[in-house]
PDB file of N, CA and C in Angstrom:
ATOM      1  N   MET A   1      55.368 192.953 117.165  1.00  0.00           N
ATOM      2  CA  MET A   1      54.664 193.201 118.454  1.00  0.00           C
ATOM      3  C   MET A   1      55.655 193.501 119.611  1.00  0.00           C
ATOM      4  N   VAL A   2      55.335 194.304 120.524  1.00  0.00           N
ATOM      5  CA  VAL A   2      56.204 194.710 121.648  1.00  0.00           C
ATOM      6  C   VAL A   2      55.530 194.349 122.930  1.00  0.00           C
ATOM      7  N   PHE A   3      56.338 193.750 123.809  1.00  0.00           N
ATOM      8  CA  PHE A   3      55.786 193.599 125.203  1.00  0.00           C
ATOM      9  C   PHE A   3      56.401 194.387 126.150  1.00  0.00           C
ATOM     10  N   ILE A   4      55.600 194.934 127.153  1.00  0.00           N
ATOM     11  CA  ILE A   4      56.111 195.889 128.136  1.00  0.00           C
ATOM     12  C   ILE A   4      56.016 195.164 129.455  1.00  0.00           C
ATOM     13  N   PHE A   5      57.094 195.029 130.108  1.00  0.00           N
ATOM     14  CA  PHE A   5      57.109 194.475 131.555  1.00  0.00           C
ATOM     15  C   PHE A   5      57.857 195.480 132.435  1.00  0.00           C
ATOM     16  N   LYS A   6      57.174 195.844 133.321  1.00  0.00           N
ATOM     17  CA  LYS A   6      57.662 196.924 134.175  1.00  0.00           C
ATOM     18  C   LYS A   6      58.030 198.117 133.333  1.00  0.00           C
ATOM     19  N   ARG A   7      59.310 198.555 133.327  1.00  0.00           N
ATOM     20  CA  ARG A   7      59.834 199.721 132.509  1.00  0.00           C
ATOM     21  C   ARG A   7      60.457 199.246 131.261  1.00  0.00           C
ATOM     22  N   PHE A   8      60.953 198.022 131.231  1.00  0.00           N
ATOM     23  CA  PHE A   8      61.717 197.455 130.092  1.00  0.00           C
ATOM     24  C   PHE A   8      60.854 197.074 128.973  1.00  0.00           C
ATOM     25  N   ILE A   9      61.216 197.285 127.808  1.00  0.00           N
ATOM     26  CA  ILE A   9      60.340 196.981 126.623  1.00  0.00           C
ATOM     27  C   ILE A   9      61.283 195.838 125.877  1.00  0.00           C
ATOM     28  N   PHE A  10      60.671 194.666 125.614  1.00  0.00           N
ATOM     29  CA  PHE A  10      61.179 193.607 124.920  1.00  0.00           C
ATOM     30  C   PHE A  10      60.535 193.422 123.557  1.00  0.00           C
ATOM     31  N   ARG A  11      61.415 193.270 122.542  1.00  0.00           N
ATOM     32  CA  ARG A  11      60.882 192.938 121.227  1.00  0.00           C
ATOM     33  C   ARG A  11      60.537 191.411 121.246  1.00  0.00           C
ATOM     34  N   ARG A  12      59.738 191.044 120.437  1.00  0.00           N
ATOM     35  CA  ARG A  12      59.220 189.647 120.390  1.00  0.00           C
ATOM     36  C   ARG A  12      60.291 188.528 120.509  1.00  0.00           C
ATOM     37  N   LYS A  13      61.368 188.682 119.734  1.00  0.00           N
ATOM     38  CA  LYS A  13      62.408 187.620 119.735  1.00  0.00           C
ATOM     39  C   LYS A  13      63.463 187.680 120.776  1.00  0.00           C
ATOM     40  N   ILE A  14      63.303 188.592 121.665  1.00  0.00           N
ATOM     41  CA  ILE A  14      64.380 188.627 122.692  1.00  0.00           C
ATOM     42  C   ILE A  14      63.979 187.744 123.852  1.00  0.00           C
ATOM     43  N   ILE A  15      64.861 186.742 124.113  1.00  0.00           N
ATOM     44  CA  ILE A  15      64.666 185.914 125.272  1.00  0.00           C
ATOM     45  C   ILE A  15      65.959 185.985 126.090  1.00  0.00           C
ATOM     46  N   VAL A  16      65.836 186.541 127.229  1.00  0.00           N
ATOM     47  CA  VAL A  16      67.003 186.750 128.110  1.00  0.00           C
ATOM     48  C   VAL A  16      67.009 185.604 129.093  1.00  0.00           C
ATOM     49  N   THR A  17      68.267 184.988 129.303  1.00  0.00           N
ATOM     50  CA  THR A  17      68.497 183.886 130.075  1.00  0.00           C
ATOM     51  C   THR A  17      69.075 184.441 131.497  1.00  0.00           C
ATOM     52  N   TRP A  18      68.266 184.453 132.549  1.00  0.00           N
ATOM     53  CA  TRP A  18      68.685 185.025 133.861  1.00  0.00           C
ATOM     54  C   TRP A  18      69.453 184.013 134.682  1.00  0.00           C
ATOM     55  N   PRO A  19      70.370 184.293 135.468  1.00  0.00           N
ATOM     56  CA  PRO A  19      70.852 185.728 135.794  1.00  0.00           C
ATOM     57  C   PRO A  19      71.756 186.294 134.703  1.00  0.00           C
ATOM     58  N   CYS A  20      71.924 187.534 134.833  1.00  0.00           N
ATOM     59  CA  CYS A  20      72.692 188.311 133.890  1.00  0.00           C
ATOM     60  C   CYS A  20      73.721 189.221 134.689  1.00  0.00           C
ATOM     61  N   ILE A  21      74.605 189.850 133.881  1.00  0.00           N
ATOM     62  CA  ILE A  21      75.514 190.954 134.547  1.00  0.00           C
ATOM     63  C   ILE A  21      75.280 192.166 133.665  1.00  0.00           C
ATOM     64  N   LEU A  22      75.266 193.269 134.268  1.00  0.00           N
ATOM     65  CA  LEU A  22      75.231 194.635 133.715  1.00  0.00           C
ATOM     66  C   LEU A  22      76.682 195.149 133.667  1.00  0.00           C
ATOM     67  N   LYS A  23      77.143 195.547 132.473  1.00  0.00           N
ATOM     68  CA  LYS A  23      78.470 196.036 132.259  1.00  0.00           C
ATOM     69  C   LYS A  23      78.323 197.400 131.856  1.00  0.00           C
ATOM     70  N   LEU A  24      78.852 198.448 132.762  1.00  0.00           N
ATOM     71  CA  LEU A  24      78.654 199.820 132.435  1.00  0.00           C
ATOM     72  C   LEU A  24      80.050 200.216 131.720  1.00  0.00           C
ATOM     73  N   GLY A  25      79.756 200.943 130.634  1.00  0.00           N
ATOM     74  CA  GLY A  25      81.025 201.400 129.807  1.00  0.00           C
ATOM     75  C   GLY A  25      81.927 202.264 130.673  1.00  0.00           C
ATOM     76  N   GLY A  26      83.168 202.103 130.520  1.00  0.00           N
ATOM     77  CA  GLY A  26      84.205 202.961 131.264  1.00  0.00           C
ATOM     78  C   GLY A  26      84.453 202.518 132.575  1.00  0.00           C
ATOM     79  N   ASP A  27      83.799 201.394 132.994  1.00  0.00           N
ATOM     80  CA  ASP A  27      83.974 200.938 134.403  1.00  0.00           C
ATOM     81  C   ASP A  27      84.110 199.499 134.511  1.00  0.00           C
ATOM     82  N   ASN A  28      84.942 198.974 135.436  1.00  0.00           N
ATOM     83  CA  ASN A  28      85.306 197.564 135.508  1.00  0.00           C
ATOM     84  C   ASN A  28      84.253 196.898 136.342  1.00  0.00           C
ATOM     85  N   GLU A  29      83.369 197.668 137.147  1.00  0.00           N
ATOM     86  CA  GLU A  29      82.320 197.068 137.969  1.00  0.00           C
ATOM     87  C   GLU A  29      81.396 196.374 137.175  1.00  0.00           C
ATOM     88  N   LEU A  30      80.958 195.128 137.611  1.00  0.00           N
ATOM     89  CA  LEU A  30      79.783 194.389 137.090  1.00  0.00           C
ATOM     90  C   LEU A  30      78.799 194.350 138.072  1.00  0.00           C
ATOM     91  N   ILE A  31      77.540 194.376 137.674  1.00  0.00           N
ATOM     92  CA  ILE A  31      76.359 194.410 138.567  1.00  0.00           C
ATOM     93  C   ILE A  31      75.641 192.990 138.277  1.00  0.00           C
ATOM     94  N   TYR A  32      75.455 192.233 139.184  1.00  0.00           N
ATOM     95  CA  TYR A  32      74.740 190.943 139.152  1.00  0.00           C
ATOM     96  C   TYR A  32      73.185 191.299 139.161  1.00  0.00           C
ATOM     97  N   LEU A  33      72.504 190.578 138.243  1.00  0.00           N
ATOM     98  CA  LEU A  33      71.068 190.820 138.062  1.00  0.00           C
ATOM     99  C   LEU A  33      70.381 189.408 137.947  1.00  0.00           C
ATOM    100  N   THR A  34      69.447 189.319 138.903  1.00  0.00           N
ATOM    101  CA  THR A  34      68.704 187.993 139.007  1.00  0.00           C
ATOM    102  C   THR A  34      67.560 187.970 138.099  1.00  0.00           C
ATOM    103  N   SER A  35      66.988 189.150 137.847  1.00  0.00           N
ATOM    104  CA  SER A  35      65.733 189.178 137.030  1.00  0.00           C
ATOM    105  C   SER A  35      65.599 190.575 136.495  1.00  0.00           C
ATOM    106  N   ILE A  36      64.380 190.782 135.720  1.00  0.00           N
ATOM    107  CA  ILE A  36      64.127 192.013 135.166  1.00  0.00           C
ATOM    108  C   ILE A  36      63.832 193.013 136.245  1.00  0.00           C
ATOM    109  N   VAL A  37      63.349 192.588 137.304  1.00  0.00           N
ATOM    110  CA  VAL A  37      63.130 193.640 138.458  1.00  0.00           C
ATOM    111  C   VAL A  37      64.428 194.126 138.869  1.00  0.00           C
ATOM    112  N   ASP A  38      65.481 193.399 138.998  1.00  0.00           N
ATOM    113  CA  ASP A  38      66.750 193.774 139.354  1.00  0.00           C
ATOM    114  C   ASP A  38      67.215 194.844 138.383  1.00  0.00           C
ATOM    115  N   LEU A  39      67.165 194.497 137.064  1.00  0.00           N
ATOM    116  CA  LEU A  39      67.587 195.451 135.981  1.00  0.00           C
ATOM    117  C   LEU A  39      66.835 196.783 136.079  1.00  0.00           C
ATOM    118  N   ASN A  40      65.531 196.729 136.250  1.00  0.00           N
ATOM    119  CA  ASN A  40      64.859 197.968 136.457  1.00  0.00           C
ATOM    120  C   ASN A  40      65.408 198.788 137.646  1.00  0.00           C
ATOM    121  N   ALA A  41      65.525 198.197 138.724  1.00  0.00           N
ATOM    122  CA  ALA A  41      65.963 198.834 139.954  1.00  0.00           C
ATOM    123  C   ALA A  41      67.349 199.450 139.739  1.00  0.00           C
ATOM    124  N   GLU A  42      68.225 198.687 139.077  1.00  0.00           N
ATOM    125  CA  GLU A  42      69.642 199.172 138.983  1.00  0.00           C
ATOM    126  C   GLU A  42      69.635 200.428 137.953  1.00  0.00           C
ATOM    127  N   CYS A  43      68.857 200.354 136.877  1.00  0.00           N
ATOM    128  CA  CYS A  43      68.905 201.303 135.860  1.00  0.00           C
ATOM    129  C   CYS A  43      68.115 202.490 136.308  1.00  0.00           C
ATOM    130  N   ARG A  44      67.298 202.509 137.225  1.00  0.00           N
ATOM    131  CA  ARG A  44      66.376 203.570 137.649  1.00  0.00           C
ATOM    132  C   ARG A  44      67.253 204.832 137.947  1.00  0.00           C
ATOM    133  N   ASP A  45      68.348 204.592 138.653  1.00  0.00           N
ATOM    134  CA  ASP A  45      69.213 205.706 139.209  1.00  0.00           C
ATOM    135  C   ASP A  45      70.393 205.931 138.275  1.00  0.00           C
ATOM    136  N   LEU A  46      70.686 205.263 137.235  1.00  0.00           N
ATOM    137  CA  LEU A  46      71.820 205.391 136.360  1.00  0.00           C
ATOM    138  C   LEU A  46      71.536 206.225 135.100  1.00  0.00           C
ATOM    139  N   ILE A  47      72.690 206.957 134.730  1.00  0.00           N
ATOM    140  CA  ILE A  47      72.601 207.607 133.412  1.00  0.00           C
ATOM    141  C   ILE A  47      73.210 206.714 132.480  1.00  0.00           C
ATOM    142  N   LEU A  48      72.482 206.135 131.514  1.00  0.00           N
ATOM    143  CA  LEU A  48      73.032 205.132 130.721  1.00  0.00           C
ATOM    144  C   LEU A  48      73.636 205.655 129.434  1.00  0.00           C
ATOM    145  N   THR A  49      74.674 204.980 129.011  1.00  0.00           N
ATOM    146  CA  THR A  49      75.334 205.363 127.790  1.00  0.00           C
ATOM    147  C   THR A  49      75.248 204.263 126.626  1.00  0.00           C
ATOM    148  N   SER A  50      75.702 204.568 125.613  1.00  0.00           N
ATOM    149  CA  SER A  50      75.724 203.584 124.509  1.00  0.00           C
ATOM    150  C   SER A  50      76.684 202.457 124.686  1.00  0.00           C
ATOM    151  N   ASP A  51      77.666 202.599 125.677  1.00  0.00           N
ATOM    152  CA  ASP A  51      78.622 201.678 126.002  1.00  0.00           C
ATOM    153  C   ASP A  51      78.214 200.615 127.028  1.00  0.00           C
ATOM    154  N   ASP A  52      77.009 200.842 127.657  1.00  0.00           N
ATOM    155  CA  ASP A  52      76.439 199.929 128.704  1.00  0.00           C
ATOM    156  C   ASP A  52      75.732 198.845 128.045  1.00  0.00           C
ATOM    157  N   TYR A  53      75.921 197.568 128.577  1.00  0.00           N
ATOM    158  CA  TYR A  53      75.243 196.371 127.998  1.00  0.00           C
ATOM    159  C   TYR A  53      75.097 195.245 129.140  1.00  0.00           C
ATOM    160  N   VAL A  54      74.164 194.375 128.711  1.00  0.00           N
ATOM    161  CA  VAL A  54      73.810 193.271 129.552  1.00  0.00           C
ATOM    162  C   VAL A  54      74.301 192.023 128.866  1.00  0.00           C
ATOM    163  N   ILE A  55      74.921 191.063 129.788  1.00  0.00           N
ATOM    164  CA  ILE A  55      75.320 189.803 129.171  1.00  0.00           C
ATOM    165  C   ILE A  55      74.469 188.681 130.062  1.00  0.00           C
ATOM    166  N   ASP A  56      73.795 187.815 129.288  1.00  0.00           N
ATOM    167  CA  ASP A  56      72.931 186.860 129.933  1.00  0.00           C
ATOM    168  C   ASP A  56      73.707 185.546 130.322  1.00  0.00           C
ATOM    169  N   SER A  57      73.187 184.590 130.953  1.00  0.00           N
ATOM    170  CA  SER A  57      73.739 183.364 131.279  1.00  0.00           C
ATOM    171  C   SER A  57      74.296 182.492 130.185  1.00  0.00           C
ATOM    172  N   VAL A  58      73.983 182.760 128.978  1.00  0.00           N
ATOM    173  CA  VAL A  58      74.376 181.860 127.897  1.00  0.00           C
ATOM    174  C   VAL A  58      75.323 182.647 126.991  1.00  0.00           C
ATOM    175  N   GLY A  59      75.624 184.027 127.373  1.00  0.00           N
ATOM    176  CA  GLY A  59      76.632 184.804 126.613  1.00  0.00           C
ATOM    177  C   GLY A  59      76.085 185.813 125.698  1.00  0.00           C
ATOM    178  N   LYS A  60      74.719 185.828 125.441  1.00  0.00           N
ATOM    179  CA  LYS A  60      74.136 186.813 124.632  1.00  0.00           C
ATOM    180  C   LYS A  60      74.123 188.111 125.298  1.00  0.00           C
ATOM    181  N   SER A  61      74.365 189.110 124.464  1.00  0.00           N
ATOM    182  CA  SER A  61      74.472 190.559 124.912  1.00  0.00           C
ATOM    183  C   SER A  61      73.387 191.387 124.326  1.00  0.00           C
ATOM    184  N   TYR A  62      73.149 192.394 125.131  1.00  0.00           N
ATOM    185  CA  TYR A  62      72.036 193.303 124.873  1.00  0.00           C
ATOM    186  C   TYR A  62      72.484 194.806 125.092  1.00  0.00           C
ATOM    187  N   PHE A  63      72.140 195.747 124.190  1.00  0.00           N
ATOM    188  CA  PHE A  63      72.284 197.207 124.502  1.00  0.00           C
ATOM    189  C   PHE A  63      71.182 197.602 125.318  1.00  0.00           C
ATOM    190  N   ILE A  64      71.290 198.624 126.033  1.00  0.00           N
ATOM    191  CA  ILE A  64      70.222 199.253 126.737  1.00  0.00           C
ATOM    192  C   ILE A  64      70.028 200.740 126.323  1.00  0.00           C
ATOM    193  N   SER A  65      68.897 200.980 125.877  1.00  0.00           N
ATOM    194  CA  SER A  65      68.579 202.439 125.333  1.00  0.00           C
ATOM    195  C   SER A  65      68.193 203.313 126.499  1.00  0.00           C
ATOM    196  N   ASP A  66      68.162 204.597 126.239  1.00  0.00           N
ATOM    197  CA  ASP A  66      67.689 205.525 127.247  1.00  0.00           C
ATOM    198  C   ASP A  66      66.178 205.229 127.590  1.00  0.00           C
ATOM    199  N   GLN A  67      65.414 204.692 126.841  1.00  0.00           N
ATOM    200  CA  GLN A  67      64.117 204.369 127.042  1.00  0.00           C
ATOM    201  C   GLN A  67      63.858 202.969 127.684  1.00  0.00           C
ATOM    202  N   LEU A  68      65.080 202.462 128.248  1.00  0.00           N
ATOM    203  CA  LEU A  68      65.164 201.124 128.917  1.00  0.00           C
ATOM    204  C   LEU A  68      64.593 200.012 128.015  1.00  0.00           C
ATOM    205  N   THR A  69      65.049 200.081 126.698  1.00  0.00           N
ATOM    206  CA  THR A  69      64.876 199.034 125.717  1.00  0.00           C
ATOM    207  C   THR A  69      66.014 198.149 125.639  1.00  0.00           C
ATOM    208  N   LEU A  70      65.896 196.860 125.776  1.00  0.00           N
ATOM    209  CA  LEU A  70      66.942 195.966 125.477  1.00  0.00           C
ATOM    210  C   LEU A  70      66.833 195.515 123.943  1.00  0.00           C
ATOM    211  N   THR A  71      68.085 195.692 123.360  1.00  0.00           N
ATOM    212  CA  THR A  71      68.247 195.317 121.906  1.00  0.00           C
ATOM    213  C   THR A  71      69.413 194.333 121.753  1.00  0.00           C
ATOM    214  N   LYS A  72      69.123 193.184 121.303  1.00  0.00           N
ATOM    215  CA  LYS A  72      70.053 192.153 121.129  1.00  0.00           C
ATOM    216  C   LYS A  72      71.249 192.553 120.298  1.00  0.00           C
ATOM    217  N   GLN A  73      72.411 192.456 120.748  1.00  0.00           N
ATOM    218  CA  GLN A  73      73.663 192.557 119.904  1.00  0.00           C
ATOM    219  C   GLN A  73      74.053 191.345 119.223  1.00  0.00           C
ATOM    220  N   ASN A  74      74.860 191.366 118.072  1.00  0.00           N
ATOM    221  CA  ASN A  74      75.322 190.243 117.501  1.00  0.00           C
ATOM    222  C   ASN A  74      76.384 189.577 118.274  1.00  0.00           C
ATOM    223  N   LYS A  75      76.985 190.283 119.138  1.00  0.00           N
ATOM    224  CA  LYS A  75      78.108 189.772 120.088  1.00  0.00           C
ATOM    225  C   LYS A  75      77.581 188.739 121.047  1.00  0.00           C
ATOM    226  N   ILE A  76      78.108 187.614 120.946  1.00  0.00           N
ATOM    227  CA  ILE A  76      77.959 186.489 121.888  1.00  0.00           C
ATOM    228  C   ILE A  76      79.233 186.272 122.659  1.00  0.00           C
ATOM    229  N   PHE A  77      79.193 186.463 123.949  1.00  0.00           N
ATOM    230  CA  PHE A  77      80.484 186.316 124.783  1.00  0.00           C
ATOM    231  C   PHE A  77      80.692 184.992 125.097  1.00  0.00           C
ATOM    232  N   ASN A  78      82.004 184.500 125.038  1.00  0.00           N
ATOM    233  CA  ASN A  78      82.290 183.090 125.452  1.00  0.00           C
ATOM    234  C   ASN A  78      82.829 183.122 126.881  1.00  0.00           C
ATOM    235  N   VAL A  79      82.989 182.002 127.471  1.00  0.00           N
ATOM    236  CA  VAL A  79      83.534 181.857 128.845  1.00  0.00           C
ATOM    237  C   VAL A  79      84.775 182.684 129.194  1.00  0.00           C
ATOM    238  N   GLU A  80      85.728 182.619 128.221  1.00  0.00           N
ATOM    239  CA  GLU A  80      86.960 183.386 128.466  1.00  0.00           C
ATOM    240  C   GLU A  80      86.770 184.844 128.532  1.00  0.00           C
ATOM    241  N   GLU A  81      85.937 185.427 127.601  1.00  0.00           N
ATOM    242  CA  GLU A  81      85.581 186.844 127.644  1.00  0.00           C
ATOM    243  C   GLU A  81      84.871 187.293 128.999  1.00  0.00           C
ATOM    244  N   VAL A  82      83.959 186.556 129.324  1.00  0.00           N
ATOM    245  CA  VAL A  82      83.332 186.783 130.639  1.00  0.00           C
ATOM    246  C   VAL A  82      84.176 186.629 131.782  1.00  0.00           C
ATOM    247  N   THR A  83      85.070 185.712 131.807  1.00  0.00           N
ATOM    248  CA  THR A  83      86.136 185.540 132.840  1.00  0.00           C
ATOM    249  C   THR A  83      86.931 186.738 132.988  1.00  0.00           C
ATOM    250  N   GLU A  84      87.352 187.311 131.800  1.00  0.00           N
ATOM    251  CA  GLU A  84      88.249 188.542 131.763  1.00  0.00           C
ATOM    252  C   GLU A  84      87.432 189.773 132.389  1.00  0.00           C
ATOM    253  N   LEU A  85      86.194 189.840 132.061  1.00  0.00           N
ATOM    254  CA  LEU A  85      85.410 190.878 132.653  1.00  0.00           C
ATOM    255  C   LEU A  85      85.267 190.747 134.264  1.00  0.00           C
ATOM    256  N   ILE A  86      85.095 189.503 134.640  1.00  0.00           N
ATOM    257  CA  ILE A  86      85.126 189.298 136.008  1.00  0.00           C
ATOM    258  C   ILE A  86      86.402 189.543 136.682  1.00  0.00           C
ATOM    259  N   ARG A  87      87.461 189.148 136.023  1.00  0.00           N
ATOM    260  CA  ARG A  87      88.845 189.380 136.611  1.00  0.00           C
ATOM    261  C   ARG A  87      89.139 190.851 136.756  1.00  0.00           C
ATOM    262  N   ALA A  88      88.711 191.650 135.800  1.00  0.00           N
ATOM    263  CA  ALA A  88      88.871 193.107 135.795  1.00  0.00           C
ATOM    264  C   ALA A  88      88.014 193.674 136.864  1.00  0.00           C
ATOM    265  N   ASN A  89      86.792 193.209 137.168  1.00  0.00           N
ATOM    266  CA  ASN A  89      85.946 193.552 138.150  1.00  0.00           C
ATOM    267  C   ASN A  89      86.562 193.302 139.675  1.00  0.00           C
ATOM    268  N   GLU A  90      87.166 192.111 139.786  1.00  0.00           N
ATOM    269  CA  GLU A  90      87.724 191.654 141.078  1.00  0.00           C
ATOM    270  C   GLU A  90      89.205 192.472 141.201  1.00  0.00           C
ATOM    271  N   PHE A  91      89.803 192.642 140.094  1.00  0.00           N
ATOM    272  CA  PHE A  91      90.946 193.487 140.225  1.00  0.00           C
ATOM    273  C   PHE A  91      90.790 194.925 140.791  1.00  0.00           C
ATOM    274  N   SER A  92      89.650 195.525 140.369  1.00  0.00           N
ATOM    275  CA  SER A  92      89.386 196.881 140.839  1.00  0.00           C
ATOM    276  C   SER A  92      89.004 196.899 142.346  1.00  0.00           C
ATOM    277  N   LYS A  93      88.580 195.664 142.867  1.00  0.00           N
ATOM    278  CA  LYS A  93      88.243 195.552 144.274  1.00  0.00           C
ATOM    279  C   LYS A  93      89.523 195.221 145.089  1.00  0.00           C
ATOM    280  N   ALA A  94      90.513 194.589 144.329  1.00  0.00           N
ATOM    281  CA  ALA A  94      91.768 194.133 144.983  1.00  0.00           C
ATOM    282  C   ALA A  94      91.585 193.151 146.222  1.00  0.00           C
ATOM    283  N   GLU A  95      90.633 192.153 145.905  1.00  0.00           N
ATOM    284  CA  GLU A  95      90.357 191.225 147.007  1.00  0.00           C
ATOM    285  C   GLU A  95      90.636 189.777 146.653  1.00  0.00           C
ATOM    286  N   VAL A  96      90.803 189.521 145.454  1.00  0.00           N
ATOM    287  CA  VAL A  96      90.937 188.103 144.981  1.00  0.00           C
ATOM    288  C   VAL A  96      92.252 187.934 144.155  1.00  0.00           C
ATOM    289  N   CYS A  97      92.784 186.777 144.348  1.00  0.00           N
ATOM    290  CA  CYS A  97      93.970 186.319 143.350  1.00  0.00           C
ATOM    291  C   CYS A  97      93.448 186.095 141.980  1.00  0.00           C
ATOM    292  N   LEU A  98      93.719 186.901 140.943  1.00  0.00           N
ATOM    293  CA  LEU A  98      93.140 186.723 139.788  1.00  0.00           C
ATOM    294  C   LEU A  98      93.464 185.359 139.009  1.00  0.00           C
ATOM    295  N   THR A  99      94.467 184.797 139.255  1.00  0.00           N
ATOM    296  CA  THR A  99      94.760 183.522 138.571  1.00  0.00           C
ATOM    297  C   THR A  99      93.967 182.392 139.056  1.00  0.00           C
ATOM    298  N   LYS A 100      93.291 182.655 140.194  1.00  0.00           N
ATOM    299  CA  LYS A 100      92.323 181.566 140.691  1.00  0.00           C
ATOM    300  C   LYS A 100      91.028 181.700 140.102  1.00  0.00           C
ATOM    301  N   ILE A 101      90.621 182.749 139.256  1.00  0.00           N
ATOM    302  CA  ILE A 101      89.407 182.940 138.755  1.00  0.00           C
ATOM    303  C   ILE A 101      89.314 182.261 137.364  1.00  0.00           C
ATOM    304  N   GLN A 102      88.672 181.106 137.398  1.00  0.00           N
ATOM    305  CA  GLN A 102      88.477 180.159 136.204  1.00  0.00           C
ATOM    306  C   GLN A 102      87.083 179.690 136.251  1.00  0.00           C
ATOM    307  N   PHE A 103      86.522 179.559 135.007  1.00  0.00           N
ATOM    308  CA  PHE A 103      85.192 179.011 134.865  1.00  0.00           C
ATOM    309  C   PHE A 103      84.996 178.022 133.678  1.00  0.00           C
ATOM    310  N   LEU A 104      84.052 177.164 133.694  1.00  0.00           N
ATOM    311  CA  LEU A 104      83.865 176.174 132.579  1.00  0.00           C
ATOM    312  C   LEU A 104      82.659 176.764 131.662  1.00  0.00           C
ATOM    313  N   THR A 105      81.774 177.590 132.245  1.00  0.00           N
ATOM    314  CA  THR A 105      80.705 178.056 131.453  1.00  0.00           C
ATOM    315  C   THR A 105      80.394 179.493 131.778  1.00  0.00           C
ATOM    316  N   VAL A 106      79.766 180.177 130.790  1.00  0.00           N
ATOM    317  CA  VAL A 106      79.254 181.588 131.067  1.00  0.00           C
ATOM    318  C   VAL A 106      78.277 181.594 132.218  1.00  0.00           C
ATOM    319  N   SER A 107      77.423 180.714 132.360  1.00  0.00           N
ATOM    320  CA  SER A 107      76.502 180.710 133.451  1.00  0.00           C
ATOM    321  C   SER A 107      77.179 180.554 134.774  1.00  0.00           C
ATOM    322  N   GLU A 108      78.145 179.677 134.895  1.00  0.00           N
ATOM    323  CA  GLU A 108      78.953 179.540 136.103  1.00  0.00           C
ATOM    324  C   GLU A 108      79.722 180.744 136.414  1.00  0.00           C
ATOM    325  N   ALA A 109      80.194 181.494 135.378  1.00  0.00           N
ATOM    326  CA  ALA A 109      80.924 182.779 135.691  1.00  0.00           C
ATOM    327  C   ALA A 109      80.067 183.765 136.208  1.00  0.00           C
ATOM    328  N   ILE A 110      78.895 183.972 135.591  1.00  0.00           N
ATOM    329  CA  ILE A 110      78.009 185.075 136.008  1.00  0.00           C
ATOM    330  C   ILE A 110      77.430 184.801 137.439  1.00  0.00           C
ATOM    331  N   LYS A 111      77.139 183.479 137.731  1.00  0.00           N
ATOM    332  CA  LYS A 111      76.726 183.150 139.057  1.00  0.00           C
ATOM    333  C   LYS A 111      77.808 183.409 140.137  1.00  0.00           C
ATOM    334  N   ALA A 112      78.993 183.374 139.713  1.00  0.00           N
ATOM    335  CA  ALA A 112      80.206 183.611 140.732  1.00  0.00           C
ATOM    336  C   ALA A 112      80.248 184.879 141.246  1.00  0.00           C
ATOM    337  N   ILE A 113      79.794 185.946 140.555  1.00  0.00           N
ATOM    338  CA  ILE A 113      79.721 187.382 141.038  1.00  0.00           C
ATOM    339  C   ILE A 113      78.420 187.640 141.942  1.00  0.00           C
ATOM    340  N   GLN A 114      77.545 186.729 142.100  1.00  0.00           N
ATOM    341  CA  GLN A 114      76.439 186.953 142.857  1.00  0.00           C
ATOM    342  C   GLN A 114      76.706 187.427 144.322  1.00  0.00           C
ATOM    343  N   PRO A 115      76.293 188.510 144.806  1.00  0.00           N
ATOM    344  CA  PRO A 115      76.496 189.014 146.063  1.00  0.00           C
ATOM    345  C   PRO A 115      76.087 188.091 147.171  1.00  0.00           C
TER     346      PRO A 115
END
């Protein structure tokens, strides 16, 4: 069974824990997403590639297809991996001392990039 919400299609067993981050392939920028509405709005104007993915607040990751379908990856990110993505994001902005960026959980890390 397939559920359609706005423009994104979710397969029955996909449960996304919001908030999430959108990681675009080839770019260090991370996009903070509070809900499926944010995801739809951000992806509306993007040209998506197979290197783009979403990481939710518990570390689960999802590929995004051209048809705006989320497909669960086998990769689950731990807090160290998400912290490294956030450090690369902040380094590209050159605004924060990278050694001060530390988190205890993936959820805490993702919430830290909230605008």
